[in-house]
Amino acid sequence: MKYSYKTKGVCSRQINVEIEGDIIKSVEFVGGCHGNTQGVAALATGMNIDDYISRCENIKCGYKSTSCPAQLAEALKEARNA
């Protein structure tokens, strides 16, 4: 299943994620800090959705109330419920 998520409160504008069952198959961030988002995408690929969400949903970026890793967790929650 492919899912696109419009981010909120971060530099990246969108996250495209592909899920197979409960496993994250691929992640692509549109915009944002390229090196950081590439790293998050590489680490998330192959992970169980629930494991990723529990590890990353509360990560903050500086003084922001969220982060790109936390926004990916939100995207995965929405995709799972879609």
Protein backbone atom coordinates (compact mmCIF):
# COMPACT_ATOMS: atom_id res chain seq x y z
CA MET A 1 0.00 0.00 0.00
CA LYS A 2 1.32 3.43 -0.94
CA TYR A 3 0.32 6.43 1.13
CA SER A 4 1.11 10.17 0.89
CA TYR A 5 0.96 12.41 3.96
CA LYS A 6 1.05 16.22 4.07
CA THR A 7 3.31 17.15 6.98
CA LYS A 8 2.52 19.78 9.60
CA GLY A 9 4.97 21.97 11.52
CA VAL A 10 8.21 20.77 9.89
CA CYS A 11 10.44 21.72 6.97
CA SER A 12 9.50 18.73 4.81
CA ARG A 13 6.24 19.16 2.89
CA GLN A 14 5.15 15.58 2.29
CA ILE A 15 6.03 11.99 3.14
CA ASN A 16 5.43 9.13 0.72
CA VAL A 17 5.45 5.74 2.40
CA GLU A 18 4.94 2.20 1.15
CA ILE A 19 3.74 -0.44 3.59
CA GLU A 20 3.39 -4.18 3.15
CA GLY A 21 1.43 -5.76 5.99
CA ASP A 22 2.97 -4.30 9.16
CA ILE A 23 6.36 -3.58 7.56
CA ILE A 24 7.61 -0.26 6.19
CA LYS A 25 8.89 -1.01 2.66
CA SER A 26 10.01 2.49 1.61
CA VAL A 27 9.92 6.10 2.77
CA GLU A 28 10.47 9.30 0.77
CA PHE A 29 10.45 12.79 2.28
CA VAL A 30 9.70 15.75 -0.01
CA GLY A 31 11.66 18.77 1.19
CA GLY A 32 13.31 19.12 4.56
CA CYS A 33 16.92 18.52 5.59
CA HIS A 34 18.00 16.09 2.91
CA GLY A 35 20.65 14.22 4.89
CA ASN A 36 18.46 13.86 7.97
CA THR A 37 15.38 12.75 6.08
CA GLN A 38 17.42 10.25 4.04
CA GLY A 39 18.76 8.84 7.32
CA VAL A 40 15.30 8.56 8.87
CA ALA A 41 13.97 6.89 5.71
CA ALA A 42 16.86 4.39 5.61
CA LEU A 43 16.48 3.48 9.28
CA ALA A 44 12.68 3.13 9.05
CA THR A 45 12.75 0.87 5.99
CA GLY A 46 12.20 -2.73 7.05
CA MET A 47 10.86 -1.81 10.50
CA ASN A 48 7.55 -2.89 11.95
CA ILE A 49 5.08 0.03 11.89
CA ASP A 50 4.26 -0.16 15.61
CA ASP A 51 7.94 -0.34 16.58
CA TYR A 52 8.70 2.80 14.55
CA ILE A 53 5.72 4.69 15.98
CA SER A 54 6.59 3.85 19.60
CA ARG A 55 10.22 4.93 19.10
CA CYS A 56 9.68 8.15 17.15
CA GLU A 57 6.21 9.64 17.72
CA ASN A 58 7.37 12.04 20.48
CA ILE A 59 10.62 13.32 18.93
CA LYS A 60 10.84 17.12 18.76
CA CYS A 61 12.95 19.28 16.42
CA GLY A 62 14.45 22.19 18.33
CA TYR A 63 11.61 24.34 19.68
CA LYS A 64 9.03 22.81 17.35
CA SER A 65 6.33 20.58 18.81
CA THR A 66 7.10 17.85 16.25
CA SER A 67 9.82 16.62 13.88
CA CYS A 68 10.20 14.77 10.59
CA PRO A 69 10.58 11.42 12.41
CA ALA A 70 7.43 12.20 14.44
CA GLN A 71 5.57 13.21 11.27
CA LEU A 72 6.49 9.87 9.72
CA ALA A 73 4.94 8.21 12.80
CA GLU A 74 1.75 10.23 12.16
CA ALA A 75 1.80 9.21 8.49
CA LEU A 76 2.10 5.54 9.50
CA LYS A 77 -0.80 5.85 11.94
CA GLU A 78 -3.00 7.34 9.21
CA ALA A 79 -1.89 4.78 6.62
CA ARG A 80 -2.58 1.90 8.98
CA ASN A 81 -6.11 3.21 9.59
CA ALA A 82 -6.83 4.00 5.93
